[in-house]
Amino acid sequence: MIYGIDAVHVHNNVYNATIFPHNICLGATRDPDLVKRIGVATALEVRVTCIPYAFAPCVAVCRDPRWGRCYEIYSEDHKVVQAMTRIILGLVYWEISLPANYKKDFPYVAGKNNVAACAKHFVGDGGTQKGINETNTIIDLNGLLGIHMRAYIDSIAKSVSTVMVSYSSWNGG
C-alpha cells in the first residue's frame, strides 16, 4: 500500500503547517527557484507526518478563467507552467546527490526528507470547453501537445513518480 496526500497547496491540512500562496500566485512570481524551495518545505512537512507521496504538482494549463480550479495551476501560459515544474526537484531529491549511473529520464526518489511527486491532471484538464470541470477539451493534436502536454514531459524528466489522470476527455473521446 502507498499512502499519499493532496499537497498541491503545501501540507495545508495539518495544524501549524506552513501555508504558501496557491499555485496561481506562485506562477505570477515567475520564480522557479522560489517554487523549488517551496517544494523542499512541502516535502519536509509531508514526511514529518510519515507520508511518502504528495499528489502535487498540478501542471495543468488553465485556458478559460471560468474553470473553477484555475487557482491550482501556475498560469494560462504553458511556458510558465513548464518553468514551475522545478518544484519537483524540491519534492523528490533536493538534499541528495544523484548516483553517477542515474539516467535522467527515469524517476528518482530517495532520502528520508523527500516524497514521491505526482503531476496532475493528465492531459488537457485546464482546457475544457467553457471552463466546465471534467468535460471536453476541444483542441487539435498540435495544441494538445504544444500547450497541455509539455509540462508533463518536463515533470517526467524531473523525476515525478506518477501522473494522475483527469476526468476530462479530448475532442469527445
Protein backbone atom coordinates (compact mmCIF):
# COMPACT_ATOMS: atom_id res chain seq x y z
CA MET A 1 0.00 0.00 0.00
CA ILE A 2 1.19 3.51 -0.77
CA TYR A 3 -0.22 6.39 1.20
CA GLY A 4 -0.33 9.90 -0.23
CA ILE A 5 -1.73 13.36 0.46
CA ASP A 6 -3.04 16.14 -1.77
CA ALA A 7 -0.30 18.68 -1.10
CA VAL A 8 -0.99 20.97 -4.03
CA HIS A 9 -1.27 23.92 -1.60
CA VAL A 10 1.56 22.66 0.61
CA HIS A 11 0.58 20.35 3.52
CA ASN A 12 -2.22 22.72 4.47
CA ASN A 13 -4.48 20.26 6.26
CA VAL A 14 -2.03 19.78 9.13
CA TYR A 15 -2.18 22.00 12.21
CA ASN A 16 0.63 24.62 12.22
CA ALA A 17 1.82 23.70 8.72
CA THR A 18 3.46 26.37 6.61
CA ILE A 19 0.96 27.81 4.16
CA PHE A 20 2.28 29.28 0.93
CA PRO A 21 0.17 31.07 -1.70
CA HIS A 22 -1.80 28.99 -4.17
CA ASN A 23 -0.06 27.97 -7.40
CA ILE A 24 -1.68 30.75 -9.44
CA CYS A 25 0.04 33.28 -7.17
CA LEU A 26 3.35 31.39 -7.29
CA GLY A 27 3.17 31.35 -11.09
CA ALA A 28 2.74 35.13 -11.04
CA THR A 29 6.16 35.42 -9.39
CA ARG A 30 7.81 33.81 -12.43
CA ASP A 31 10.40 32.44 -9.98
CA PRO A 32 11.09 28.70 -10.47
CA ASP A 33 13.77 28.72 -7.74
CA LEU A 34 11.25 30.01 -5.20
CA VAL A 35 8.89 27.21 -6.22
CA LYS A 36 11.70 24.66 -5.81
CA ARG A 37 12.31 25.93 -2.24
CA ILE A 38 8.58 25.60 -1.56
CA GLY A 39 8.87 22.03 -2.82
CA VAL A 40 11.60 21.41 -0.23
CA ALA A 41 9.41 22.79 2.57
CA THR A 42 6.43 20.77 1.36
CA ALA A 43 8.45 17.54 1.24
CA LEU A 44 9.72 18.10 4.78
CA GLU A 45 6.27 18.80 6.20
CA VAL A 46 4.69 15.88 4.36
CA ARG A 47 7.40 13.46 5.51
CA VAL A 48 7.21 14.62 9.14
CA THR A 49 3.66 13.22 9.10
CA CYS A 50 5.02 9.90 7.76
CA ILE A 51 3.55 10.30 4.28
CA PRO A 52 5.90 9.36 1.42
CA TYR A 53 3.80 10.58 -1.51
CA ALA A 54 2.40 14.00 -2.48
CA PHE A 55 -0.31 14.46 -5.10
CA ALA A 56 1.49 17.52 -6.47
CA PRO A 57 2.25 19.49 -8.55
CA CYS A 58 -0.73 20.41 -10.67
CA VAL A 59 0.75 21.15 -14.09
CA ALA A 60 -2.48 21.74 -15.97
CA VAL A 61 -2.71 24.87 -18.11
CA CYS A 62 -5.85 26.91 -17.44
CA ARG A 63 -7.15 28.16 -20.78
CA ASP A 64 -10.51 29.51 -19.54
CA PRO A 65 -10.74 31.55 -16.31
CA ARG A 66 -14.24 30.16 -15.70
CA TRP A 67 -12.66 26.82 -14.80
CA GLY A 68 -13.12 26.51 -11.05
CA ARG A 69 -9.67 25.01 -10.49
CA CYS A 70 -7.57 27.81 -12.02
CA TYR A 71 -6.12 28.60 -8.57
CA GLU A 72 -4.38 25.17 -8.63
CA ILE A 73 -2.38 25.95 -11.76
CA TYR A 74 0.64 28.19 -12.26
CA SER A 75 -0.50 30.04 -15.37
CA GLU A 76 -2.50 30.11 -18.56
CA ASP A 77 0.90 30.27 -20.29
CA HIS A 78 2.32 26.78 -20.80
CA LYS A 79 5.89 28.14 -20.70
CA VAL A 80 5.35 29.45 -17.15
CA VAL A 81 3.81 26.13 -16.11
CA GLN A 82 6.81 24.29 -17.58
CA ALA A 83 9.23 26.50 -15.63
CA MET A 84 7.33 25.87 -12.41
CA THR A 85 7.81 22.10 -12.71
CA ARG A 86 11.04 22.92 -10.88
CA ILE A 87 9.03 22.31 -7.69
CA ILE A 88 9.54 18.60 -8.38
CA LEU A 89 13.27 18.96 -7.79
CA GLY A 90 12.46 20.27 -4.30
CA LEU A 91 9.99 17.49 -3.59
CA VAL A 92 11.98 14.48 -4.77
CA TYR A 93 15.73 14.96 -4.36
CA TRP A 94 16.80 18.32 -3.06
CA GLU A 95 19.22 17.08 -0.41
CA ILE A 96 20.98 14.23 -2.16
CA SER A 97 23.48 13.76 -4.94
CA LEU A 98 22.22 11.70 -7.81
CA PRO A 99 24.11 8.45 -8.41
CA ALA A 100 26.72 8.57 -11.18
CA ASN A 101 24.86 5.94 -13.21
CA TYR A 102 21.44 7.63 -12.86
CA LYS A 103 19.62 8.01 -16.19
CA LYS A 104 17.90 11.39 -16.25
CA ASP A 105 14.74 10.15 -17.96
CA PHE A 106 13.63 7.91 -15.09
CA PRO A 107 12.07 8.85 -11.73
CA TYR A 108 14.43 9.01 -8.78
CA VAL A 109 13.27 9.45 -5.20
CA ALA A 110 15.49 8.85 -2.20
CA GLY A 111 16.13 10.21 1.26
CA LYS A 112 14.08 10.45 4.41
CA ASN A 113 13.05 14.04 3.69
CA ASN A 114 11.81 13.51 0.14
CA VAL A 115 8.47 12.45 -1.29
CA ALA A 116 7.28 10.85 -4.49
CA ALA A 117 5.60 13.51 -6.61
CA CYS A 118 2.55 13.26 -8.88
CA ALA A 119 1.95 15.54 -11.88
CA LYS A 120 -1.74 16.13 -12.44
CA HIS A 121 -4.29 16.07 -14.15
CA PHE A 122 -3.35 14.44 -17.44
CA VAL A 123 -3.94 15.90 -20.09
CA GLY A 124 -5.97 18.95 -21.11
CA ASP A 125 -7.64 19.23 -17.71
CA GLY A 126 -7.43 23.03 -17.78
CA GLY A 127 -8.62 23.36 -21.35
CA THR A 128 -12.17 22.12 -21.02
CA GLN A 129 -14.88 23.75 -23.10
CA LYS A 130 -16.33 26.85 -21.39
CA GLY A 131 -14.18 26.05 -18.33
CA ILE A 132 -16.58 23.36 -17.15
CA ASN A 133 -14.71 20.92 -14.91
CA GLU A 134 -14.35 17.31 -16.04
CA THR A 135 -15.78 17.83 -19.51
CA ASN A 136 -14.39 18.06 -23.02
CA THR A 137 -11.16 19.72 -24.16
CA ILE A 138 -11.60 20.67 -27.80
CA ILE A 139 -8.22 21.28 -29.42
CA ASP A 140 -6.19 19.83 -32.28
CA LEU A 141 -3.29 17.47 -31.65
CA ASN A 142 -0.68 20.22 -32.09
CA GLY A 143 -2.43 22.34 -29.48
CA LEU A 144 -2.82 19.44 -27.09
CA LEU A 145 0.87 18.55 -27.36
CA GLY A 146 2.16 22.11 -27.58
CA ILE A 147 0.10 23.64 -24.76
CA HIS A 148 -1.16 20.92 -22.44
CA MET A 149 1.45 18.14 -22.74
CA ARG A 150 4.75 19.98 -22.34
CA ALA A 151 4.70 20.34 -18.56
CA TYR A 152 4.07 16.58 -18.19
CA ILE A 153 7.12 15.80 -20.29
CA ASP A 154 9.18 18.21 -18.15
CA SER A 155 7.73 16.66 -14.99
CA ILE A 156 8.80 13.19 -16.03
CA ALA A 157 12.28 14.44 -16.89
CA LYS A 158 12.49 15.96 -13.39
CA SER A 159 11.60 12.60 -11.75
CA VAL A 160 7.92 12.86 -11.00
CA SER A 161 6.94 9.34 -9.95
CA THR A 162 3.34 9.26 -11.14
CA VAL A 163 0.90 11.15 -13.33
CA MET A 164 -2.72 11.43 -12.19
CA VAL A 165 -5.38 11.16 -14.87
CA SER A 166 -8.20 13.65 -15.29
CA TYR A 167 -11.88 13.07 -15.84
CA SER A 168 -11.75 15.24 -18.94
CA SER A 169 -11.99 13.98 -22.49
CA TRP A 170 -10.24 15.18 -25.62
CA ASN A 171 -12.41 16.06 -28.62
CA GLY A 172 -15.21 13.90 -27.28
CA GLY A 173 -13.08 10.76 -26.99
